[in-house]
Amino acid sequence: MPRFQPSVPLSRPQQQTAYQPPGAPAPQFRTPPPYQEPPQQSGYEPEPPRRKSPVGLIAAVVVGCAVIGLGAGALLSGGGDDGKKDDKQPAGVSSPATGDTGGKTGDAADPAKTQAEALDKVLADSGSSRDAVIGAVADIRRCDKLDQAAASLRDAAKQRGDLVTRLGGLSLDKLPNHERLSGALTKAWQSSAAADNHYAAWADALAGDKGKNCKDGHAKRTKDAGLGDKASGDATKSKQEASVLWNAIATQYGLTKRGATQL
């Protein structure tokens, strides 16, 4: 019978090695590093750095250039003598014009209004003798103050003639209907002057024989009285026409309106 040897317990298991062919070097085993606990993590993980936007970089460059430009401008403007004031203006800035701009300035540039104002001054003197003429004719009809009445009427006739002369010296070509207006005024004043002279001649005729020509406070009518009335009527018609033409001009330029009896 075969003999069995009792098994001898091993203190530790034998490590099996892989088959090595003859002549091959024996394998070398590395000792594993000692155990290290992994580093504890706090749970916060830093965010990766953000990339700067190119738009932000461009804006920053522009702002920086503007600041540098302003600083340079301030240095340049502040240089020189502080006590002297620089009268030069920046290029491209025009100073306000102080002279004539070539346009119309106010009413003085309107030749029509200038002519209207000149005529208005003549018309203002046209009615100055009206009351004297009315009073003188009334005295003649009563056969009263005949010599004084005749003198007042001749003065009025002279004043009418002066108005015609002044009117002829005016330039009215810029006024509307200036030819009709000038003709109506001329005829009105000439007719009024003629009427004044006829009434003055009437007074002279009455004064030559007052006892015969004046009865009960009534004057005898003569040829000059009739001619005076006719000339006065012609003057009234011309004044009415002139009044209409003038008042249209006076309204346009803010001047004084006048009725026929005021001319």
C-alpha atoms as a PDB file:
ATOM      1  CA  MET A   1       0.000   0.000   0.000  1.00  0.00           C
ATOM      2  CA  PRO A   2       1.320   3.394  -0.690  1.00  0.00           C
ATOM      3  CA  ARG A   3       2.385   5.538   2.133  1.00  0.00           C
ATOM      4  CA  PHE A   4       0.892   9.006   2.604  1.00  0.00           C
ATOM      5  CA  GLN A   5       2.795  11.820   4.094  1.00  0.00           C
ATOM      6  CA  PRO A   6       0.912  14.137   6.266  1.00  0.00           C
ATOM      7  CA  SER A   7       0.360  17.645   4.707  1.00  0.00           C
ATOM      8  CA  VAL A   8       2.366  20.422   6.213  1.00  0.00           C
ATOM      9  CA  PRO A   9       0.400  23.630   6.569  1.00  0.00           C
ATOM     10  CA  LEU A  10       1.828  26.670   4.847  1.00  0.00           C
ATOM     11  CA  SER A  11       2.182  29.956   6.630  1.00  0.00           C
ATOM     12  CA  ARG A  12       1.109  31.899   3.543  1.00  0.00           C
ATOM     13  CA  PRO A  13       0.037  30.934   0.109  1.00  0.00           C
ATOM     14  CA  GLN A  14       2.633  30.479  -2.493  1.00  0.00           C
ATOM     15  CA  GLN A  15       2.501  32.946  -5.326  1.00  0.00           C
ATOM     16  CA  GLN A  16       2.388  31.258  -8.592  1.00  0.00           C
ATOM     17  CA  THR A  17       4.655  32.586 -11.186  1.00  0.00           C
ATOM     18  CA  ALA A  18       4.113  32.463 -14.851  1.00  0.00           C
ATOM     19  CA  TYR A  19       6.039  30.061 -16.913  1.00  0.00           C
ATOM     20  CA  GLN A  20       9.440  31.335 -17.755  1.00  0.00           C
ATOM     21  CA  PRO A  21      11.387  29.827 -20.579  1.00  0.00           C
ATOM     22  CA  PRO A  22      14.879  28.724 -19.821  1.00  0.00           C
ATOM     23  CA  GLY A  23      17.445  31.475 -19.891  1.00  0.00           C
ATOM     24  CA  ALA A  24      14.845  34.308 -19.423  1.00  0.00           C
ATOM     25  CA  PRO A  25      15.551  36.786 -16.643  1.00  0.00           C
ATOM     26  CA  ALA A  26      13.544  36.438 -13.539  1.00  0.00           C
ATOM     27  CA  PRO A  27      10.586  38.802 -13.260  1.00  0.00           C
ATOM     28  CA  GLN A  28      10.811  41.699 -10.846  1.00  0.00           C
ATOM     29  CA  PHE A  29       7.866  42.768  -8.724  1.00  0.00           C
ATOM     30  CA  ARG A  30       7.251  46.445  -7.683  1.00  0.00           C
ATOM     31  CA  THR A  31       6.189  47.147  -4.187  1.00  0.00           C
ATOM     32  CA  PRO A  32       2.864  49.033  -4.296  1.00  0.00           C
ATOM     33  CA  PRO A  33       2.971  52.560  -2.813  1.00  0.00           C
ATOM     34  CA  PRO A  34       1.502  53.049   0.584  1.00  0.00           C
ATOM     35  CA  TYR A  35      -2.219  53.812   0.669  1.00  0.00           C
ATOM     36  CA  GLN A  36      -3.095  57.496   0.616  1.00  0.00           C
ATOM     37  CA  GLU A  37      -6.527  58.943   1.176  1.00  0.00           C
ATOM     38  CA  PRO A  38      -7.787  60.994  -1.748  1.00  0.00           C
ATOM     39  CA  PRO A  39      -7.901  64.756  -1.092  1.00  0.00           C
ATOM     40  CA  GLN A  40     -11.207  65.864   0.305  1.00  0.00           C
ATOM     41  CA  GLN A  41     -13.236  68.139  -2.018  1.00  0.00           C
ATOM     42  CA  SER A  42     -15.092  71.103  -0.586  1.00  0.00           C
ATOM     43  CA  GLY A  43     -17.880  70.805  -3.112  1.00  0.00           C
ATOM     44  CA  TYR A  44     -16.988  74.212  -4.795  1.00  0.00           C
ATOM     45  CA  GLU A  45     -15.472  74.010  -8.168  1.00  0.00           C
ATOM     46  CA  PRO A  46     -14.156  77.375  -9.541  1.00  0.00           C
ATOM     47  CA  GLU A  47     -15.625  78.448 -12.839  1.00  0.00           C
ATOM     48  CA  PRO A  48     -13.294  78.564 -15.762  1.00  0.00           C
ATOM     49  CA  PRO A  49     -12.191  82.112 -16.689  1.00  0.00           C
ATOM     50  CA  ARG A  50     -14.568  83.847 -19.097  1.00  0.00           C
ATOM     51  CA  ARG A  51     -13.373  85.076 -22.421  1.00  0.00           C
ATOM     52  CA  LYS A  52     -13.577  88.824 -22.835  1.00  0.00           C
ATOM     53  CA  SER A  53     -16.000  90.008 -25.483  1.00  0.00           C
ATOM     54  CA  PRO A  54     -14.322  91.765 -28.419  1.00  0.00           C
ATOM     55  CA  VAL A  55     -17.131  94.372 -28.347  1.00  0.00           C
ATOM     56  CA  GLY A  56     -16.222  95.279 -24.781  1.00  0.00           C
ATOM     57  CA  LEU A  57     -12.578  95.581 -25.702  1.00  0.00           C
ATOM     58  CA  ILE A  58     -13.406  97.899 -28.623  1.00  0.00           C
ATOM     59  CA  ALA A  59     -15.649 100.073 -26.409  1.00  0.00           C
ATOM     60  CA  ALA A  60     -12.927 100.348 -23.826  1.00  0.00           C
ATOM     61  CA  VAL A  61     -10.433 101.446 -26.479  1.00  0.00           C
ATOM     62  CA  VAL A  62     -12.856 104.097 -27.829  1.00  0.00           C
ATOM     63  CA  VAL A  63     -13.560 105.505 -24.351  1.00  0.00           C
ATOM     64  CA  GLY A  64      -9.866 105.623 -23.623  1.00  0.00           C
ATOM     65  CA  CYS A  65      -9.153 107.510 -26.828  1.00  0.00           C
ATOM     66  CA  ALA A  66     -11.950 109.988 -26.059  1.00  0.00           C
ATOM     67  CA  VAL A  67     -10.582 110.644 -22.584  1.00  0.00           C
ATOM     68  CA  ILE A  68      -7.099 111.191 -23.995  1.00  0.00           C
ATOM     69  CA  GLY A  69      -8.502 113.568 -26.650  1.00  0.00           C
ATOM     70  CA  LEU A  70     -10.430 115.608 -24.078  1.00  0.00           C
ATOM     71  CA  GLY A  71      -7.396 115.869 -21.892  1.00  0.00           C
ATOM     72  CA  ALA A  72      -5.272 117.053 -24.773  1.00  0.00           C
ATOM     73  CA  GLY A  73      -7.897 119.599 -25.807  1.00  0.00           C
ATOM     74  CA  ALA A  74      -8.094 120.961 -22.269  1.00  0.00           C
ATOM     75  CA  LEU A  75      -4.320 121.362 -22.140  1.00  0.00           C
ATOM     76  CA  LEU A  76      -4.265 123.162 -25.480  1.00  0.00           C
ATOM     77  CA  SER A  77      -7.168 125.486 -24.610  1.00  0.00           C
ATOM     78  CA  GLY A  78      -5.687 126.313 -21.237  1.00  0.00           C
ATOM     79  CA  GLY A  79      -2.298 127.196 -22.598  1.00  0.00           C
ATOM     80  CA  GLY A  80      -0.985 130.675 -23.222  1.00  0.00           C
ATOM     81  CA  ASP A  81      -1.707 133.861 -21.335  1.00  0.00           C
ATOM     82  CA  ASP A  82      -4.698 133.363 -19.019  1.00  0.00           C
ATOM     83  CA  GLY A  83      -5.310 137.109 -18.858  1.00  0.00           C
ATOM     84  CA  LYS A  84      -5.980 137.432 -22.586  1.00  0.00           C
ATOM     85  CA  LYS A  85      -9.209 136.301 -24.168  1.00  0.00           C
ATOM     86  CA  ASP A  86      -8.944 134.362 -27.375  1.00  0.00           C
ATOM     87  CA  ASP A  87     -11.082 136.084 -29.974  1.00  0.00           C
ATOM     88  CA  LYS A  88     -10.701 133.349 -32.540  1.00  0.00           C
ATOM     89  CA  GLN A  89     -13.542 130.950 -33.032  1.00  0.00           C
ATOM     90  CA  PRO A  90     -13.161 127.248 -33.796  1.00  0.00           C
ATOM     91  CA  ALA A  91     -13.047 126.300 -37.433  1.00  0.00           C
ATOM     92  CA  GLY A  92     -16.435 125.706 -38.970  1.00  0.00           C
ATOM     93  CA  VAL A  93     -18.267 128.051 -36.563  1.00  0.00           C
ATOM     94  CA  SER A  94     -19.500 131.224 -38.223  1.00  0.00           C
ATOM     95  CA  SER A  95     -20.106 134.369 -36.237  1.00  0.00           C
ATOM     96  CA  PRO A  96     -23.547 136.009 -36.456  1.00  0.00           C
ATOM     97  CA  ALA A  97     -23.794 138.677 -39.072  1.00  0.00           C
ATOM     98  CA  THR A  98     -24.026 142.180 -37.693  1.00  0.00           C
ATOM     99  CA  GLY A  99     -24.280 144.088 -40.913  1.00  0.00           C
ATOM    100  CA  ASP A 100     -26.724 144.092 -43.769  1.00  0.00           C
ATOM    101  CA  THR A 101     -27.772 140.584 -44.689  1.00  0.00           C
ATOM    102  CA  GLY A 102     -29.074 141.630 -48.034  1.00  0.00           C
ATOM    103  CA  GLY A 103     -32.719 141.112 -47.073  1.00  0.00           C
ATOM    104  CA  LYS A 104     -35.411 143.604 -46.261  1.00  0.00           C
ATOM    105  CA  THR A 105     -35.152 145.044 -42.802  1.00  0.00           C
ATOM    106  CA  GLY A 106     -38.394 146.452 -41.521  1.00  0.00           C
ATOM    107  CA  ASP A 107     -40.833 148.734 -43.284  1.00  0.00           C
ATOM    108  CA  ALA A 108     -38.138 151.164 -44.441  1.00  0.00           C
ATOM    109  CA  ALA A 109     -37.212 148.693 -47.197  1.00  0.00           C
ATOM    110  CA  ASP A 110     -40.730 148.916 -48.684  1.00  0.00           C
ATOM    111  CA  PRO A 111     -40.754 151.797 -51.174  1.00  0.00           C
ATOM    112  CA  ALA A 112     -44.547 151.738 -51.439  1.00  0.00           C
ATOM    113  CA  LYS A 113     -44.982 152.416 -47.728  1.00  0.00           C
ATOM    114  CA  THR A 114     -42.387 155.173 -47.861  1.00  0.00           C
ATOM    115  CA  GLN A 115     -44.380 156.895 -50.606  1.00  0.00           C
ATOM    116  CA  ALA A 116     -47.638 156.372 -48.724  1.00  0.00           C
ATOM    117  CA  GLU A 117     -46.213 157.992 -45.597  1.00  0.00           C
ATOM    118  CA  ALA A 118     -45.020 161.005 -47.607  1.00  0.00           C
ATOM    119  CA  LEU A 119     -48.480 161.459 -49.126  1.00  0.00           C
ATOM    120  CA  ASP A 120     -50.090 161.078 -45.711  1.00  0.00           C
ATOM    121  CA  LYS A 121     -48.186 164.132 -44.490  1.00  0.00           C
ATOM    122  CA  VAL A 122     -49.545 166.202 -47.383  1.00  0.00           C
ATOM    123  CA  LEU A 123     -53.082 165.016 -46.760  1.00  0.00           C
ATOM    124  CA  ALA A 124     -52.787 165.938 -43.088  1.00  0.00           C
ATOM    125  CA  ASP A 125     -52.490 169.617 -44.124  1.00  0.00           C
ATOM    126  CA  SER A 126     -55.259 169.519 -46.709  1.00  0.00           C
ATOM    127  CA  GLY A 127     -58.108 170.108 -44.271  1.00  0.00           C
ATOM    128  CA  SER A 128     -56.494 172.879 -42.254  1.00  0.00           C
ATOM    129  CA  SER A 129     -58.353 175.669 -44.077  1.00  0.00           C
ATOM    130  CA  ARG A 130     -61.740 173.928 -44.214  1.00  0.00           C
ATOM    131  CA  ASP A 131     -63.209 175.647 -41.168  1.00  0.00           C
ATOM    132  CA  ALA A 132     -61.940 179.045 -42.319  1.00  0.00           C
ATOM    133  CA  VAL A 133     -63.538 178.591 -45.749  1.00  0.00           C
ATOM    134  CA  ILE A 134     -66.881 177.452 -44.308  1.00  0.00           C
ATOM    135  CA  GLY A 135     -66.938 180.424 -41.937  1.00  0.00           C
ATOM    136  CA  ALA A 136     -66.001 182.899 -44.671  1.00  0.00           C
ATOM    137  CA  VAL A 137     -68.752 181.710 -47.061  1.00  0.00           C
ATOM    138  CA  ALA A 138     -71.301 181.880 -44.240  1.00  0.00           C
ATOM    139  CA  ASP A 139     -70.301 185.523 -43.545  1.00  0.00           C
ATOM    140  CA  ILE A 140     -70.695 186.417 -47.210  1.00  0.00           C
ATOM    141  CA  ARG A 141     -74.220 185.042 -47.372  1.00  0.00           C
ATOM    142  CA  ARG A 142     -75.121 187.200 -44.366  1.00  0.00           C
ATOM    143  CA  CYS A 143     -73.288 190.185 -45.846  1.00  0.00           C
ATOM    144  CA  ASP A 144     -71.088 190.236 -42.732  1.00  0.00           C
ATOM    145  CA  LYS A 145     -67.332 190.790 -42.494  1.00  0.00           C
ATOM    146  CA  LEU A 146     -67.038 190.790 -46.259  1.00  0.00           C
ATOM    147  CA  ASP A 147     -63.467 192.092 -46.476  1.00  0.00           C
ATOM    148  CA  GLN A 148     -62.253 189.584 -43.867  1.00  0.00           C
ATOM    149  CA  ALA A 149     -64.105 186.776 -45.583  1.00  0.00           C
ATOM    150  CA  ALA A 150     -62.540 187.586 -48.954  1.00  0.00           C
ATOM    151  CA  ALA A 151     -59.037 187.595 -47.420  1.00  0.00           C
ATOM    152  CA  SER A 152     -59.594 184.238 -45.706  1.00  0.00           C
ATOM    153  CA  LEU A 153     -60.832 182.699 -48.942  1.00  0.00           C
ATOM    154  CA  ARG A 154     -57.830 183.873 -50.941  1.00  0.00           C
ATOM    155  CA  ASP A 155     -55.524 182.480 -48.266  1.00  0.00           C
ATOM    156  CA  ALA A 156     -57.316 179.164 -48.547  1.00  0.00           C
ATOM    157  CA  ALA A 157     -56.994 179.203 -52.344  1.00  0.00           C
ATOM    158  CA  LYS A 158     -53.247 179.750 -52.007  1.00  0.00           C
ATOM    159  CA  GLN A 159     -53.026 176.868 -49.566  1.00  0.00           C
ATOM    160  CA  ARG A 160     -54.833 174.594 -52.063  1.00  0.00           C
ATOM    161  CA  GLY A 161     -52.330 175.607 -54.737  1.00  0.00           C
ATOM    162  CA  ASP A 162     -49.439 174.720 -52.395  1.00  0.00           C
ATOM    163  CA  LEU A 163     -50.941 171.269 -51.877  1.00  0.00           C
ATOM    164  CA  VAL A 164     -50.999 170.703 -55.639  1.00  0.00           C
ATOM    165  CA  THR A 165     -47.340 171.751 -55.852  1.00  0.00           C
ATOM    166  CA  ARG A 166     -46.323 169.435 -53.017  1.00  0.00           C
ATOM    167  CA  LEU A 167     -48.274 166.579 -54.553  1.00  0.00           C
ATOM    168  CA  GLY A 168     -46.463 167.060 -57.874  1.00  0.00           C
ATOM    169  CA  GLY A 169     -43.120 166.696 -56.086  1.00  0.00           C
ATOM    170  CA  LEU A 170     -43.959 163.267 -54.660  1.00  0.00           C
ATOM    171  CA  SER A 171     -43.090 159.904 -56.201  1.00  0.00           C
ATOM    172  CA  LEU A 172     -46.193 157.753 -56.032  1.00  0.00           C
ATOM    173  CA  ASP A 173     -45.421 155.184 -58.714  1.00  0.00           C
ATOM    174  CA  LYS A 174     -45.259 152.293 -56.196  1.00  0.00           C
ATOM    175  CA  LEU A 175     -48.764 152.907 -54.847  1.00  0.00           C
ATOM    176  CA  PRO A 176     -51.790 151.085 -56.260  1.00  0.00           C
ATOM    177  CA  ASN A 177     -53.885 153.254 -58.624  1.00  0.00           C
ATOM    178  CA  HIS A 178     -51.393 156.055 -58.082  1.00  0.00           C
ATOM    179  CA  GLU A 179     -52.323 157.842 -61.324  1.00  0.00           C
ATOM    180  CA  ARG A 180     -56.027 157.948 -60.472  1.00  0.00           C
ATOM    181  CA  LEU A 181     -55.280 158.998 -56.891  1.00  0.00           C
ATOM    182  CA  SER A 182     -52.897 161.756 -57.937  1.00  0.00           C
ATOM    183  CA  GLY A 183     -55.326 162.998 -60.600  1.00  0.00           C
ATOM    184  CA  ALA A 184     -58.291 163.011 -58.220  1.00  0.00           C
ATOM    185  CA  LEU A 185     -56.396 164.944 -55.538  1.00  0.00           C
ATOM    186  CA  THR A 186     -55.066 167.449 -58.059  1.00  0.00           C
ATOM    187  CA  LYS A 187     -58.507 168.146 -59.481  1.00  0.00           C
ATOM    188  CA  ALA A 188     -60.067 168.336 -56.022  1.00  0.00           C
ATOM    189  CA  TRP A 189     -57.606 170.948 -54.759  1.00  0.00           C
ATOM    190  CA  GLN A 190     -57.636 172.959 -57.967  1.00  0.00           C
ATOM    191  CA  SER A 191     -61.432 173.010 -57.926  1.00  0.00           C
ATOM    192  CA  SER A 192     -61.425 174.032 -54.268  1.00  0.00           C
ATOM    193  CA  ALA A 193     -58.971 176.841 -55.008  1.00  0.00           C
ATOM    194  CA  ALA A 194     -61.173 178.011 -57.861  1.00  0.00           C
ATOM    195  CA  ALA A 195     -64.232 177.960 -55.606  1.00  0.00           C
ATOM    196  CA  ASP A 196     -62.406 179.983 -52.953  1.00  0.00           C
ATOM    197  CA  ASN A 197     -61.399 182.618 -55.459  1.00  0.00           C
ATOM    198  CA  HIS A 198     -64.931 182.868 -56.870  1.00  0.00           C
ATOM    199  CA  TYR A 199     -66.405 183.289 -53.386  1.00  0.00           C
ATOM    200  CA  ALA A 200     -63.784 185.923 -52.618  1.00  0.00           C
ATOM    201  CA  ALA A 201     -64.821 187.793 -55.771  1.00  0.00           C
ATOM    202  CA  TRP A 202     -68.435 187.533 -54.665  1.00  0.00           C
ATOM    203  CA  ALA A 203     -67.547 189.143 -51.364  1.00  0.00           C
ATOM    204  CA  ASP A 204     -65.761 191.959 -53.178  1.00  0.00           C
ATOM    205  CA  ALA A 205     -68.848 192.628 -55.335  1.00  0.00           C
ATOM    206  CA  LEU A 206     -71.143 192.782 -52.323  1.00  0.00           C
ATOM    207  CA  ALA A 207     -68.823 195.098 -50.438  1.00  0.00           C
ATOM    208  CA  GLY A 208     -68.775 197.559 -53.387  1.00  0.00           C
ATOM    209  CA  ASP A 209     -72.434 198.371 -52.869  1.00  0.00           C
ATOM    210  CA  LYS A 210     -73.440 196.758 -49.645  1.00  0.00           C
ATOM    211  CA  GLY A 211     -76.653 198.715 -49.273  1.00  0.00           C
ATOM    212  CA  LYS A 212     -77.905 197.535 -52.628  1.00  0.00           C
ATOM    213  CA  ASN A 213     -76.588 193.974 -52.525  1.00  0.00           C
ATOM    214  CA  CYS A 214     -77.385 193.129 -48.915  1.00  0.00           C
ATOM    215  CA  LYS A 215     -81.004 193.253 -47.807  1.00  0.00           C
ATOM    216  CA  ASP A 216     -82.265 191.921 -44.508  1.00  0.00           C
ATOM    217  CA  GLY A 217     -79.043 189.989 -43.921  1.00  0.00           C
ATOM    218  CA  HIS A 218     -79.184 188.215 -47.240  1.00  0.00           C
ATOM    219  CA  ALA A 219     -76.512 188.650 -49.915  1.00  0.00           C
ATOM    220  CA  LYS A 220     -77.381 189.115 -53.537  1.00  0.00           C
ATOM    221  CA  ARG A 221     -76.135 186.262 -55.641  1.00  0.00           C
ATOM    222  CA  THR A 222     -73.749 187.110 -58.426  1.00  0.00           C
ATOM    223  CA  LYS A 223     -72.083 185.248 -61.273  1.00  0.00           C
ATOM    224  CA  ASP A 224     -69.116 184.457 -59.050  1.00  0.00           C
ATOM    225  CA  ALA A 225     -71.427 182.903 -56.470  1.00  0.00           C
ATOM    226  CA  GLY A 226     -72.728 180.449 -59.076  1.00  0.00           C
ATOM    227  CA  LEU A 227     -69.225 179.674 -60.363  1.00  0.00           C
ATOM    228  CA  GLY A 228     -68.082 179.124 -56.806  1.00  0.00           C
ATOM    229  CA  ASP A 229     -70.857 176.632 -56.173  1.00  0.00           C
ATOM    230  CA  LYS A 230     -70.067 174.723 -59.358  1.00  0.00           C
ATOM    231  CA  ALA A 231     -66.327 174.521 -58.587  1.00  0.00           C
ATOM    232  CA  SER A 232     -67.105 173.427 -55.045  1.00  0.00           C
ATOM    233  CA  GLY A 233     -69.302 170.602 -56.375  1.00  0.00           C
ATOM    234  CA  ASP A 234     -66.509 169.438 -58.711  1.00  0.00           C
ATOM    235  CA  ALA A 235     -64.084 169.465 -55.804  1.00  0.00           C
ATOM    236  CA  THR A 236     -66.429 167.320 -53.708  1.00  0.00           C
ATOM    237  CA  LYS A 237     -66.710 164.652 -56.414  1.00  0.00           C
ATOM    238  CA  SER A 238     -62.938 164.453 -56.849  1.00  0.00           C
ATOM    239  CA  LYS A 239     -62.419 164.303 -53.081  1.00  0.00           C
ATOM    240  CA  GLN A 240     -64.832 161.407 -52.809  1.00  0.00           C
ATOM    241  CA  GLU A 241     -62.913 159.450 -55.449  1.00  0.00           C
ATOM    242  CA  ALA A 242     -59.567 160.270 -53.849  1.00  0.00           C
ATOM    243  CA  SER A 243     -60.864 159.260 -50.415  1.00  0.00           C
ATOM    244  CA  VAL A 244     -61.776 155.748 -51.593  1.00  0.00           C
ATOM    245  CA  LEU A 245     -58.373 155.237 -53.245  1.00  0.00           C
ATOM    246  CA  TRP A 246     -56.437 156.634 -50.306  1.00  0.00           C
ATOM    247  CA  ASN A 247     -58.266 154.689 -47.610  1.00  0.00           C
ATOM    248  CA  ALA A 248     -57.369 151.405 -49.325  1.00  0.00           C
ATOM    249  CA  ILE A 249     -53.702 152.386 -49.104  1.00  0.00           C
ATOM    250  CA  ALA A 250     -54.056 153.654 -45.536  1.00  0.00           C
ATOM    251  CA  THR A 251     -55.585 150.343 -44.469  1.00  0.00           C
ATOM    252  CA  GLN A 252     -52.742 148.378 -46.029  1.00  0.00           C
ATOM    253  CA  TYR A 253     -49.994 150.401 -44.345  1.00  0.00           C
ATOM    254  CA  GLY A 254     -51.701 151.377 -41.096  1.00  0.00           C
ATOM    255  CA  LEU A 255     -52.052 155.084 -41.897  1.00  0.00           C
ATOM    256  CA  THR A 256     -54.843 157.579 -41.201  1.00  0.00           C
ATOM    257  CA  LYS A 257     -58.051 157.151 -43.190  1.00  0.00           C
ATOM    258  CA  ARG A 258     -59.733 160.335 -44.442  1.00  0.00           C
ATOM    259  CA  GLY A 259     -63.196 161.111 -45.708  1.00  0.00           C
ATOM    260  CA  ALA A 260     -63.966 163.425 -48.599  1.00  0.00           C
ATOM    261  CA  THR A 261     -64.604 166.398 -46.317  1.00  0.00           C
ATOM    262  CA  GLN A 262     -61.166 165.927 -44.725  1.00  0.00           C
ATOM    263  CA  LEU A 263     -59.378 166.431 -48.035  1.00  0.00           C
END
